[in-house]
Amino acid sequence: MNENYNISSSPHIRDKVTSSNIMLMVVIALLPATIFGVYNFGVSALINVVLTTGTAVLAEYVYEKLMKKPVTIKDFSAVVTGLLLALNLPPTLPYWMGPLGAVFAIVVVKQLFGGLGQNFMNPALAARCFLLISFTGRMTYFVYDGVTGATPLAELKAGNAVNTMDMLIGNIRGTIGETSVIAIMIGAIFLLLMGIIDLRIPGTYLLTFVIFITIFGGHGFDPQYITAHLCGGGIMLGAWFMATDYVTSPITKTGQIVYGICLGVLTGLFRLFGGSAEGVSYAIIFSNLLVPLIERITLPKPFGKGGEK
C-alpha cells in the first residue's frame, strides 16, 4: 500500500464558515431594527446604541489584555452582545446605564465563564435583567413622540384596546429595537436565507406561545388579540435573535423543539399570570439554564453503546 493517510483528532468535517462570519451576519441582520429604532426615537437612541456597543467591545479588549488572553474582538461577538443589549433598552435610559450593562454582560456573564462558547446564558439578556432589577424605574420608563405612558403590551394586559397596525409598523412605545416587527422580520429573513438560523426554535417558540395564550388568555382564538401579543414587547426580537443563540440553545433537533416549547410556555406564563406585561427575557434565561438537561435527554446514544437495560 502506497497511500498516505492523515491522522488527526475530530472534527473531521470542516466548513469555511467561521464565528466571525456568523456574528457579522447577525450584526447586518440587526441593522434594520437598529436603524428604525434610531429613526423612531431620535438621537438619544443612537447615543445609547453607540455607547453600549462600543463599551462591550472595549470591555472585552481590556479584560483579555489584563488577563493576558488572546484578544477576540475581531470575531464580532462583543459587537452582537452590545448591540442586542442596546436594542433591549429604553431610548431615554441615562447614557451610563447601557455601558454598565455591557460591562456586566461581557465580563461577568461571558469572560468569567471562559469567553465565547462557554457562557451558560445569553449575555445581553442577562445584562438586561441585571439592569431591570437594579434600575426598575428607568428600565420601565417609556416615551414616544414626547408622551410618557404604558407600552401597548401593558395596555393589552390591562384589558385596553391597542392598535395592532401601529404595533406591526413600530410607531409605539418600547425599547429601541423591539417596536417594529417589520424591521425585525427583514433581519430574520436575511438570517434564514443565509442559513445562519432555521425555523425550528423560533417556529416552535411562537407556535407554542400562540397555543398557550389561545387556551389560557381568556379570548379564545382571537386573531387581533394574538397579533397584538406577537407584535408587542420583545417576543419577535427574542425569538429570532436571542433564543437562536448557538451557545445557549440545544444542538440536537429534538432538543431545539423541546427548547422552543419551554420558551413558549414560560413566556405565556410570565405574560398572562406574572406581575409584568413582558416575560421574554426571563423565559429565555430560564430556558438557557434548562439546556444541559434538555441535551442530556435528547442527545442520541453513540453507535455501539446499546439500548436501555
C-alpha atoms as a PDB file:
ATOM      1  CA  MET A   1       0.000   0.000   0.000  1.00  0.00           C
ATOM      2  CA  ASN A   2       1.485   3.283  -1.132  1.00  0.00           C
ATOM      3  CA  GLU A   3      -1.272   5.566   0.157  1.00  0.00           C
ATOM      4  CA  ASN A   4      -0.537   8.016   2.947  1.00  0.00           C
ATOM      5  CA  TYR A   5      -3.275   8.853   5.455  1.00  0.00           C
ATOM      6  CA  ASN A   6      -3.534  11.984   7.571  1.00  0.00           C
ATOM      7  CA  ILE A   7      -4.326  11.160  11.175  1.00  0.00           C
ATOM      8  CA  SER A   8      -5.921  13.933  13.227  1.00  0.00           C
ATOM      9  CA  SER A   9      -8.385  14.460  16.024  1.00  0.00           C
ATOM     10  CA  SER A  10     -12.017  15.378  15.407  1.00  0.00           C
ATOM     11  CA  PRO A  11     -13.812  17.259  13.974  1.00  0.00           C
ATOM     12  CA  HIS A  12     -13.077  15.686  10.584  1.00  0.00           C
ATOM     13  CA  ILE A  13     -15.780  17.640   8.709  1.00  0.00           C
ATOM     14  CA  ARG A  14     -14.890  21.306   8.418  1.00  0.00           C
ATOM     15  CA  ASP A  15     -16.622  24.353   6.991  1.00  0.00           C
ATOM     16  CA  LYS A  16     -15.318  27.682   5.720  1.00  0.00           C
ATOM     17  CA  VAL A  17     -17.912  29.495   7.835  1.00  0.00           C
ATOM     18  CA  THR A  18     -16.276  30.986  10.922  1.00  0.00           C
ATOM     19  CA  SER A  19     -17.602  32.502  14.142  1.00  0.00           C
ATOM     20  CA  SER A  20     -16.731  35.982  12.879  1.00  0.00           C
ATOM     21  CA  ASN A  21     -18.674  35.365   9.645  1.00  0.00           C
ATOM     22  CA  ILE A  22     -21.746  34.288  11.598  1.00  0.00           C
ATOM     23  CA  MET A  23     -21.548  37.198  14.043  1.00  0.00           C
ATOM     24  CA  LEU A  24     -21.090  39.681  11.216  1.00  0.00           C
ATOM     25  CA  MET A  25     -24.221  38.287   9.536  1.00  0.00           C
ATOM     26  CA  VAL A  26     -26.140  38.762  12.788  1.00  0.00           C
ATOM     27  CA  VAL A  27     -24.934  42.371  13.039  1.00  0.00           C
ATOM     28  CA  ILE A  28     -26.118  43.013   9.471  1.00  0.00           C
ATOM     29  CA  ALA A  29     -29.470  41.385  10.251  1.00  0.00           C
ATOM     30  CA  LEU A  30     -29.924  43.654  13.282  1.00  0.00           C
ATOM     31  CA  LEU A  31     -29.360  46.828  11.259  1.00  0.00           C
ATOM     32  CA  PRO A  32     -32.991  47.255  10.069  1.00  0.00           C
ATOM     33  CA  ALA A  33     -34.289  47.178  13.658  1.00  0.00           C
ATOM     34  CA  THR A  34     -31.443  49.449  14.781  1.00  0.00           C
ATOM     35  CA  ILE A  35     -32.000  51.991  12.022  1.00  0.00           C
ATOM     36  CA  PHE A  36     -35.740  52.057  12.631  1.00  0.00           C
ATOM     37  CA  GLY A  37     -35.181  52.442  16.371  1.00  0.00           C
ATOM     38  CA  VAL A  38     -32.953  55.468  15.803  1.00  0.00           C
ATOM     39  CA  TYR A  39     -35.456  56.918  13.330  1.00  0.00           C
ATOM     40  CA  ASN A  40     -38.331  56.259  15.731  1.00  0.00           C
ATOM     41  CA  PHE A  41     -36.759  57.558  18.935  1.00  0.00           C
ATOM     42  CA  GLY A  42     -34.119  60.021  17.780  1.00  0.00           C
ATOM     43  CA  VAL A  43     -30.611  60.959  18.874  1.00  0.00           C
ATOM     44  CA  SER A  44     -30.884  59.514  22.383  1.00  0.00           C
ATOM     45  CA  ALA A  45     -31.439  56.055  20.904  1.00  0.00           C
ATOM     46  CA  LEU A  46     -28.402  56.438  18.629  1.00  0.00           C
ATOM     47  CA  ILE A  47     -26.195  57.536  21.521  1.00  0.00           C
ATOM     48  CA  ASN A  48     -27.328  54.597  23.662  1.00  0.00           C
ATOM     49  CA  VAL A  49     -26.636  52.147  20.822  1.00  0.00           C
ATOM     50  CA  VAL A  50     -23.155  53.543  20.136  1.00  0.00           C
ATOM     51  CA  LEU A  51     -22.136  53.778  23.806  1.00  0.00           C
ATOM     52  CA  THR A  52     -23.454  50.334  24.767  1.00  0.00           C
ATOM     53  CA  THR A  53     -21.984  48.541  21.752  1.00  0.00           C
ATOM     54  CA  GLY A  54     -18.665  50.374  21.994  1.00  0.00           C
ATOM     55  CA  THR A  55     -18.361  49.630  25.712  1.00  0.00           C
ATOM     56  CA  ALA A  56     -18.996  45.919  25.101  1.00  0.00           C
ATOM     57  CA  VAL A  57     -16.111  45.777  22.617  1.00  0.00           C
ATOM     58  CA  LEU A  58     -13.844  47.838  24.870  1.00  0.00           C
ATOM     59  CA  ALA A  59     -14.671  45.706  27.925  1.00  0.00           C
ATOM     60  CA  GLU A  60     -13.733  42.536  26.054  1.00  0.00           C
ATOM     61  CA  TYR A  61     -10.468  44.065  24.802  1.00  0.00           C
ATOM     62  CA  VAL A  62      -9.419  45.406  28.222  1.00  0.00           C
ATOM     63  CA  TYR A  63     -10.318  42.202  30.090  1.00  0.00           C
ATOM     64  CA  GLU A  64      -8.436  39.971  27.660  1.00  0.00           C
ATOM     65  CA  LYS A  65      -5.413  42.290  27.734  1.00  0.00           C
ATOM     66  CA  LEU A  66      -5.372  42.326  31.538  1.00  0.00           C
ATOM     67  CA  MET A  67      -5.763  38.552  31.724  1.00  0.00           C
ATOM     68  CA  LYS A  68      -3.090  38.105  29.022  1.00  0.00           C
ATOM     69  CA  LYS A  69      -5.532  36.183  26.831  1.00  0.00           C
ATOM     70  CA  PRO A  70      -5.805  36.362  23.028  1.00  0.00           C
ATOM     71  CA  VAL A  71      -7.863  39.395  22.003  1.00  0.00           C
ATOM     72  CA  THR A  72     -11.040  38.190  20.279  1.00  0.00           C
ATOM     73  CA  ILE A  73     -12.863  41.413  19.433  1.00  0.00           C
ATOM     74  CA  LYS A  74     -12.439  40.682  15.720  1.00  0.00           C
ATOM     75  CA  ASP A  75     -14.938  37.817  15.971  1.00  0.00           C
ATOM     76  CA  PHE A  76     -17.764  40.413  16.355  1.00  0.00           C
ATOM     77  CA  SER A  77     -19.335  38.508  19.271  1.00  0.00           C
ATOM     78  CA  ALA A  78     -18.890  41.511  21.582  1.00  0.00           C
ATOM     79  CA  VAL A  79     -20.494  43.734  18.945  1.00  0.00           C
ATOM     80  CA  VAL A  80     -23.507  41.399  18.783  1.00  0.00           C
ATOM     81  CA  THR A  81     -23.798  41.334  22.577  1.00  0.00           C
ATOM     82  CA  GLY A  82     -23.567  45.119  22.899  1.00  0.00           C
ATOM     83  CA  LEU A  83     -25.974  45.760  20.031  1.00  0.00           C
ATOM     84  CA  LEU A  84     -28.563  43.275  21.307  1.00  0.00           C
ATOM     85  CA  LEU A  85     -28.371  44.804  24.774  1.00  0.00           C
ATOM     86  CA  ALA A  86     -28.783  48.314  23.333  1.00  0.00           C
ATOM     87  CA  LEU A  87     -31.841  47.234  21.340  1.00  0.00           C
ATOM     88  CA  ASN A  88     -33.387  45.932  24.567  1.00  0.00           C
ATOM     89  CA  LEU A  89     -33.017  49.272  26.359  1.00  0.00           C
ATOM     90  CA  PRO A  90     -35.473  52.186  26.583  1.00  0.00           C
ATOM     91  CA  PRO A  91     -34.303  55.056  24.347  1.00  0.00           C
ATOM     92  CA  THR A  92     -34.441  57.530  27.259  1.00  0.00           C
ATOM     93  CA  LEU A  93     -32.164  55.487  29.522  1.00  0.00           C
ATOM     94  CA  PRO A  94     -29.329  57.505  31.130  1.00  0.00           C
ATOM     95  CA  TYR A  95     -26.246  57.135  28.966  1.00  0.00           C
ATOM     96  CA  TRP A  96     -24.167  55.440  31.677  1.00  0.00           C
ATOM     97  CA  MET A  97     -26.597  52.565  32.289  1.00  0.00           C
ATOM     98  CA  GLY A  98     -26.170  50.867  28.922  1.00  0.00           C
ATOM     99  CA  PRO A  99     -22.366  50.751  29.259  1.00  0.00           C
ATOM    100  CA  LEU A 100     -22.742  49.399  32.811  1.00  0.00           C
ATOM    101  CA  GLY A 101     -24.907  46.595  31.448  1.00  0.00           C
ATOM    102  CA  ALA A 102     -22.395  45.973  28.652  1.00  0.00           C
ATOM    103  CA  VAL A 103     -19.549  45.511  31.163  1.00  0.00           C
ATOM    104  CA  PHE A 104     -21.720  43.107  33.163  1.00  0.00           C
ATOM    105  CA  ALA A 105     -22.589  41.133  30.012  1.00  0.00           C
ATOM    106  CA  ILE A 106     -19.032  40.822  28.740  1.00  0.00           C
ATOM    107  CA  VAL A 107     -17.028  40.448  31.954  1.00  0.00           C
ATOM    108  CA  VAL A 108     -19.390  38.673  34.354  1.00  0.00           C
ATOM    109  CA  VAL A 109     -21.569  36.552  32.051  1.00  0.00           C
ATOM    110  CA  LYS A 110     -19.160  35.876  29.185  1.00  0.00           C
ATOM    111  CA  GLN A 111     -15.483  36.202  30.101  1.00  0.00           C
ATOM    112  CA  LEU A 112     -15.561  34.902  33.678  1.00  0.00           C
ATOM    113  CA  PHE A 113     -17.069  31.683  32.331  1.00  0.00           C
ATOM    114  CA  GLY A 114     -14.407  31.218  29.670  1.00  0.00           C
ATOM    115  CA  GLY A 115     -15.343  33.504  26.795  1.00  0.00           C
ATOM    116  CA  LEU A 116     -17.264  32.818  23.598  1.00  0.00           C
ATOM    117  CA  GLY A 117     -18.827  29.373  23.637  1.00  0.00           C
ATOM    118  CA  GLN A 118     -18.619  28.935  27.420  1.00  0.00           C
ATOM    119  CA  ASN A 119     -21.324  31.268  28.752  1.00  0.00           C
ATOM    120  CA  PHE A 120     -24.350  29.434  30.150  1.00  0.00           C
ATOM    121  CA  MET A 121     -26.913  32.142  29.356  1.00  0.00           C
ATOM    122  CA  ASN A 122     -27.353  34.878  26.791  1.00  0.00           C
ATOM    123  CA  PRO A 123     -25.073  37.750  27.943  1.00  0.00           C
ATOM    124  CA  ALA A 124     -27.230  40.547  26.521  1.00  0.00           C
ATOM    125  CA  LEU A 125     -30.401  39.287  28.192  1.00  0.00           C
ATOM    126  CA  ALA A 126     -28.591  38.601  31.460  1.00  0.00           C
ATOM    127  CA  ALA A 127     -27.386  42.208  31.429  1.00  0.00           C
ATOM    128  CA  ARG A 128     -30.885  43.483  30.623  1.00  0.00           C
ATOM    129  CA  CYS A 129     -32.307  41.567  33.587  1.00  0.00           C
ATOM    130  CA  PHE A 130     -29.475  42.897  35.775  1.00  0.00           C
ATOM    131  CA  LEU A 131     -30.385  46.462  34.794  1.00  0.00           C
ATOM    132  CA  LEU A 132     -34.104  45.776  35.157  1.00  0.00           C
ATOM    133  CA  ILE A 133     -33.653  44.516  38.713  1.00  0.00           C
ATOM    134  CA  SER A 134     -31.207  47.271  39.661  1.00  0.00           C
ATOM    135  CA  PHE A 135     -32.937  50.222  37.981  1.00  0.00           C
ATOM    136  CA  THR A 136     -36.561  49.176  37.567  1.00  0.00           C
ATOM    137  CA  GLY A 137     -37.934  52.705  37.311  1.00  0.00           C
ATOM    138  CA  ARG A 138     -35.635  53.792  34.484  1.00  0.00           C
ATOM    139  CA  MET A 139     -35.869  50.478  32.636  1.00  0.00           C
ATOM    140  CA  THR A 140     -39.675  50.649  32.560  1.00  0.00           C
ATOM    141  CA  TYR A 141     -39.958  54.348  31.643  1.00  0.00           C
ATOM    142  CA  PHE A 142     -41.097  54.700  28.043  1.00  0.00           C
ATOM    143  CA  VAL A 143     -41.692  57.800  25.939  1.00  0.00           C
ATOM    144  CA  TYR A 144     -42.963  58.051  22.376  1.00  0.00           C
ATOM    145  CA  ASP A 145     -43.448  61.302  20.463  1.00  0.00           C
ATOM    146  CA  GLY A 146     -42.834  63.256  23.652  1.00  0.00           C
ATOM    147  CA  VAL A 147     -45.584  61.493  25.601  1.00  0.00           C
ATOM    148  CA  THR A 148     -44.914  59.197  28.569  1.00  0.00           C
ATOM    149  CA  GLY A 149     -47.136  56.175  29.060  1.00  0.00           C
ATOM    150  CA  ALA A 150     -47.530  52.432  29.170  1.00  0.00           C
ATOM    151  CA  THR A 151     -46.425  50.202  26.321  1.00  0.00           C
ATOM    152  CA  PRO A 152     -49.164  48.633  24.150  1.00  0.00           C
ATOM    153  CA  LEU A 153     -48.399  45.272  25.772  1.00  0.00           C
ATOM    154  CA  ALA A 154     -49.091  46.753  29.212  1.00  0.00           C
ATOM    155  CA  GLU A 155     -52.309  48.274  27.858  1.00  0.00           C
ATOM    156  CA  LEU A 156     -53.295  44.875  26.478  1.00  0.00           C
ATOM    157  CA  LYS A 157     -52.658  43.212  29.838  1.00  0.00           C
ATOM    158  CA  ALA A 158     -54.843  45.865  31.499  1.00  0.00           C
ATOM    159  CA  GLY A 159     -57.686  44.975  29.125  1.00  0.00           C
ATOM    160  CA  ASN A 160     -57.468  48.124  26.997  1.00  0.00           C
ATOM    161  CA  ALA A 161     -57.709  48.272  23.204  1.00  0.00           C
ATOM    162  CA  VAL A 162     -54.478  48.567  21.198  1.00  0.00           C
ATOM    163  CA  ASN A 163     -53.676  49.477  17.599  1.00  0.00           C
ATOM    164  CA  THR A 164     -52.122  46.346  16.093  1.00  0.00           C
ATOM    165  CA  MET A 165     -51.138  48.160  12.880  1.00  0.00           C
ATOM    166  CA  ASP A 166     -49.047  50.665  14.831  1.00  0.00           C
ATOM    167  CA  MET A 167     -47.515  47.733  16.707  1.00  0.00           C
ATOM    168  CA  LEU A 168     -46.651  45.998  13.433  1.00  0.00           C
ATOM    169  CA  ILE A 169     -45.023  49.103  11.954  1.00  0.00           C
ATOM    170  CA  GLY A 170     -43.380  50.201  15.204  1.00  0.00           C
ATOM    171  CA  ASN A 171     -44.981  53.569  15.946  1.00  0.00           C
ATOM    172  CA  ILE A 172     -45.313  52.718  19.635  1.00  0.00           C
ATOM    173  CA  ARG A 173     -43.531  52.971  22.973  1.00  0.00           C
ATOM    174  CA  GLY A 174     -40.978  50.310  23.771  1.00  0.00           C
ATOM    175  CA  THR A 175     -37.288  49.547  23.732  1.00  0.00           C
ATOM    176  CA  ILE A 176     -35.078  50.761  20.901  1.00  0.00           C
ATOM    177  CA  GLY A 177     -35.146  47.605  18.797  1.00  0.00           C
ATOM    178  CA  GLU A 178     -38.331  45.753  19.693  1.00  0.00           C
ATOM    179  CA  THR A 179     -41.064  48.005  18.315  1.00  0.00           C
ATOM    180  CA  SER A 180     -41.046  47.312  14.566  1.00  0.00           C
ATOM    181  CA  VAL A 181     -41.971  43.739  13.685  1.00  0.00           C
ATOM    182  CA  ILE A 182     -41.394  44.532  10.016  1.00  0.00           C
ATOM    183  CA  ALA A 183     -37.796  45.632  10.633  1.00  0.00           C
ATOM    184  CA  ILE A 184     -37.123  42.591  12.825  1.00  0.00           C
ATOM    185  CA  MET A 185     -38.542  40.203  10.223  1.00  0.00           C
ATOM    186  CA  ILE A 186     -36.387  41.718   7.470  1.00  0.00           C
ATOM    187  CA  GLY A 187     -33.345  40.777   9.528  1.00  0.00           C
ATOM    188  CA  ALA A 188     -34.772  37.357  10.425  1.00  0.00           C
ATOM    189  CA  ILE A 189     -35.452  36.518   6.762  1.00  0.00           C
ATOM    190  CA  PHE A 190     -31.868  37.509   5.931  1.00  0.00           C
ATOM    191  CA  LEU A 191     -30.548  35.073   8.572  1.00  0.00           C
ATOM    192  CA  LEU A 192     -32.829  32.311   7.276  1.00  0.00           C
ATOM    193  CA  LEU A 193     -31.715  32.837   3.676  1.00  0.00           C
ATOM    194  CA  MET A 194     -28.053  32.840   4.709  1.00  0.00           C
ATOM    195  CA  GLY A 195     -28.538  29.599   6.648  1.00  0.00           C
ATOM    196  CA  ILE A 196     -27.433  31.155   9.952  1.00  0.00           C
ATOM    197  CA  ILE A 197     -30.660  30.079  11.695  1.00  0.00           C
ATOM    198  CA  ASP A 198     -33.571  27.813  10.831  1.00  0.00           C
ATOM    199  CA  LEU A 199     -37.237  27.781  11.763  1.00  0.00           C
ATOM    200  CA  ARG A 200     -37.039  25.038  14.392  1.00  0.00           C
ATOM    201  CA  ILE A 201     -36.516  27.145  17.537  1.00  0.00           C
ATOM    202  CA  PRO A 202     -38.368  30.394  16.633  1.00  0.00           C
ATOM    203  CA  GLY A 203     -41.180  28.489  14.890  1.00  0.00           C
ATOM    204  CA  THR A 204     -41.765  26.157  17.841  1.00  0.00           C
ATOM    205  CA  TYR A 205     -41.462  29.067  20.272  1.00  0.00           C
ATOM    206  CA  LEU A 206     -44.034  31.264  18.552  1.00  0.00           C
ATOM    207  CA  LEU A 207     -46.450  28.413  17.795  1.00  0.00           C
ATOM    208  CA  THR A 208     -46.352  27.189  21.407  1.00  0.00           C
ATOM    209  CA  PHE A 209     -46.891  30.734  22.666  1.00  0.00           C
ATOM    210  CA  VAL A 210     -49.920  31.212  20.382  1.00  0.00           C
ATOM    211  CA  ILE A 211     -51.444  27.918  21.553  1.00  0.00           C
ATOM    212  CA  PHE A 212     -50.829  28.855  25.193  1.00  0.00           C
ATOM    213  CA  ILE A 213     -52.470  32.292  25.033  1.00  0.00           C
ATOM    214  CA  THR A 214     -55.340  30.857  22.985  1.00  0.00           C
ATOM    215  CA  ILE A 215     -56.082  28.347  25.744  1.00  0.00           C
ATOM    216  CA  PHE A 216     -55.345  30.498  28.799  1.00  0.00           C
ATOM    217  CA  GLY A 217     -55.655  34.101  27.562  1.00  0.00           C
ATOM    218  CA  GLY A 218     -59.413  34.309  28.050  1.00  0.00           C
ATOM    219  CA  HIS A 219     -60.068  35.441  24.463  1.00  0.00           C
ATOM    220  CA  GLY A 220     -60.084  32.098  22.683  1.00  0.00           C
ATOM    221  CA  PHE A 221     -58.735  32.129  19.128  1.00  0.00           C
ATOM    222  CA  ASP A 222     -58.974  35.889  18.649  1.00  0.00           C
ATOM    223  CA  PRO A 223     -56.664  36.905  15.748  1.00  0.00           C
ATOM    224  CA  GLN A 224     -56.408  40.529  16.903  1.00  0.00           C
ATOM    225  CA  TYR A 225     -55.508  39.523  20.468  1.00  0.00           C
ATOM    226  CA  ILE A 226     -52.922  37.007  19.231  1.00  0.00           C
ATOM    227  CA  THR A 227     -51.436  39.507  16.748  1.00  0.00           C
ATOM    228  CA  ALA A 228     -51.151  42.140  19.471  1.00  0.00           C
ATOM    229  CA  HIS A 229     -49.244  39.714  21.700  1.00  0.00           C
ATOM    230  CA  LEU A 230     -46.912  38.717  18.858  1.00  0.00           C
ATOM    231  CA  CYS A 231     -46.249  42.337  17.866  1.00  0.00           C
ATOM    232  CA  GLY A 232     -45.911  43.618  21.423  1.00  0.00           C
ATOM    233  CA  GLY A 233     -42.859  43.510  23.639  1.00  0.00           C
ATOM    234  CA  GLY A 234     -39.687  41.654  22.804  1.00  0.00           C
ATOM    235  CA  ILE A 235     -41.049  38.303  21.645  1.00  0.00           C
ATOM    236  CA  MET A 236     -40.128  38.725  17.968  1.00  0.00           C
ATOM    237  CA  LEU A 237     -36.659  40.111  18.706  1.00  0.00           C
ATOM    238  CA  GLY A 238     -36.139  37.376  21.300  1.00  0.00           C
ATOM    239  CA  ALA A 239     -37.431  34.520  19.161  1.00  0.00           C
ATOM    240  CA  TRP A 240     -35.322  35.283  16.086  1.00  0.00           C
ATOM    241  CA  PHE A 241     -32.155  36.821  17.520  1.00  0.00           C
ATOM    242  CA  MET A 242     -31.653  35.618  21.107  1.00  0.00           C
ATOM    243  CA  ALA A 243     -33.388  32.264  21.503  1.00  0.00           C
ATOM    244  CA  THR A 244     -31.394  31.062  18.463  1.00  0.00           C
ATOM    245  CA  ASP A 245     -28.011  31.864  20.029  1.00  0.00           C
ATOM    246  CA  TYR A 246     -25.721  28.921  19.173  1.00  0.00           C
ATOM    247  CA  VAL A 247     -24.008  28.839  22.552  1.00  0.00           C
ATOM    248  CA  THR A 248     -27.068  28.841  24.810  1.00  0.00           C
ATOM    249  CA  SER A 249     -29.502  26.727  22.744  1.00  0.00           C
ATOM    250  CA  PRO A 250     -29.564  22.920  22.267  1.00  0.00           C
ATOM    251  CA  ILE A 251     -27.580  21.301  19.464  1.00  0.00           C
ATOM    252  CA  THR A 252     -29.970  18.397  18.851  1.00  0.00           C
ATOM    253  CA  LYS A 253     -33.020  18.807  16.608  1.00  0.00           C
ATOM    254  CA  THR A 254     -35.349  17.249  19.147  1.00  0.00           C
ATOM    255  CA  GLY A 255     -33.786  19.338  21.885  1.00  0.00           C
ATOM    256  CA  GLN A 256     -34.415  22.520  19.897  1.00  0.00           C
ATOM    257  CA  ILE A 257     -38.100  21.663  19.634  1.00  0.00           C
ATOM    258  CA  VAL A 258     -38.313  20.964  23.389  1.00  0.00           C
ATOM    259  CA  TYR A 259     -36.437  24.222  23.990  1.00  0.00           C
ATOM    260  CA  GLY A 260     -38.907  26.137  21.821  1.00  0.00           C
ATOM    261  CA  ILE A 261     -41.844  24.633  23.708  1.00  0.00           C
ATOM    262  CA  CYS A 262     -40.288  25.674  27.034  1.00  0.00           C
ATOM    263  CA  LEU A 263     -39.817  29.206  25.708  1.00  0.00           C
ATOM    264  CA  GLY A 264     -43.414  29.481  24.532  1.00  0.00           C
ATOM    265  CA  VAL A 265     -44.902  28.124  27.755  1.00  0.00           C
ATOM    266  CA  LEU A 266     -42.715  30.263  30.017  1.00  0.00           C
ATOM    267  CA  THR A 267     -43.374  33.437  28.017  1.00  0.00           C
ATOM    268  CA  GLY A 268     -47.108  32.750  28.190  1.00  0.00           C
ATOM    269  CA  LEU A 269     -46.946  32.118  31.934  1.00  0.00           C
ATOM    270  CA  PHE A 270     -44.993  35.302  32.624  1.00  0.00           C
ATOM    271  CA  ARG A 271     -47.171  37.467  30.384  1.00  0.00           C
ATOM    272  CA  LEU A 272     -50.582  36.184  31.450  1.00  0.00           C
ATOM    273  CA  PHE A 273     -50.026  35.371  35.109  1.00  0.00           C
ATOM    274  CA  GLY A 274     -46.942  37.398  36.090  1.00  0.00           C
ATOM    275  CA  GLY A 275     -46.828  40.869  37.553  1.00  0.00           C
ATOM    276  CA  SER A 276     -45.246  42.351  34.418  1.00  0.00           C
ATOM    277  CA  ALA A 277     -46.716  42.558  30.920  1.00  0.00           C
ATOM    278  CA  GLU A 278     -43.452  41.229  29.457  1.00  0.00           C
ATOM    279  CA  GLY A 279     -41.627  37.967  30.090  1.00  0.00           C
ATOM    280  CA  VAL A 280     -39.422  37.157  27.112  1.00  0.00           C
ATOM    281  CA  SER A 281     -36.068  37.906  28.762  1.00  0.00           C
ATOM    282  CA  TYR A 282     -36.765  35.749  31.795  1.00  0.00           C
ATOM    283  CA  ALA A 283     -38.245  32.973  29.644  1.00  0.00           C
ATOM    284  CA  ILE A 284     -35.094  32.777  27.510  1.00  0.00           C
ATOM    285  CA  ILE A 285     -32.754  32.880  30.512  1.00  0.00           C
ATOM    286  CA  PHE A 286     -34.678  30.143  32.359  1.00  0.00           C
ATOM    287  CA  SER A 287     -34.698  28.037  29.190  1.00  0.00           C
ATOM    288  CA  ASN A 288     -30.938  28.618  28.785  1.00  0.00           C
ATOM    289  CA  LEU A 289     -30.483  27.048  32.226  1.00  0.00           C
ATOM    290  CA  LEU A 290     -32.526  24.025  31.112  1.00  0.00           C
ATOM    291  CA  VAL A 291     -30.398  23.388  28.002  1.00  0.00           C
ATOM    292  CA  PRO A 292     -27.942  20.923  29.669  1.00  0.00           C
ATOM    293  CA  LEU A 293     -30.885  18.840  30.890  1.00  0.00           C
ATOM    294  CA  ILE A 294     -32.632  19.039  27.505  1.00  0.00           C
ATOM    295  CA  GLU A 295     -29.479  17.893  25.715  1.00  0.00           C
ATOM    296  CA  ARG A 296     -28.914  15.094  28.196  1.00  0.00           C
ATOM    297  CA  ILE A 297     -32.387  13.753  27.469  1.00  0.00           C
ATOM    298  CA  THR A 298     -32.385  14.273  23.703  1.00  0.00           C
ATOM    299  CA  LEU A 299     -28.753  13.509  22.776  1.00  0.00           C
ATOM    300  CA  PRO A 300     -28.626  10.275  20.719  1.00  0.00           C
ATOM    301  CA  LYS A 301     -26.588   7.401  22.114  1.00  0.00           C
ATOM    302  CA  PRO A 302     -23.288   6.748  20.281  1.00  0.00           C
ATOM    303  CA  PHE A 303     -23.364   3.797  17.891  1.00  0.00           C
ATOM    304  CA  GLY A 304     -22.467   0.584  19.661  1.00  0.00           C
ATOM    305  CA  LYS A 305     -23.381   1.740  23.154  1.00  0.00           C
ATOM    306  CA  GLY A 306     -26.547  -0.321  23.180  1.00  0.00           C
ATOM    307  CA  GLY A 307     -30.020   0.434  24.437  1.00  0.00           C
ATOM    308  CA  GLU A 308     -31.514   0.654  27.865  1.00  0.00           C
ATOM    309  CA  LYS A 309     -31.104  -2.405  30.078  1.00  0.00           C
END
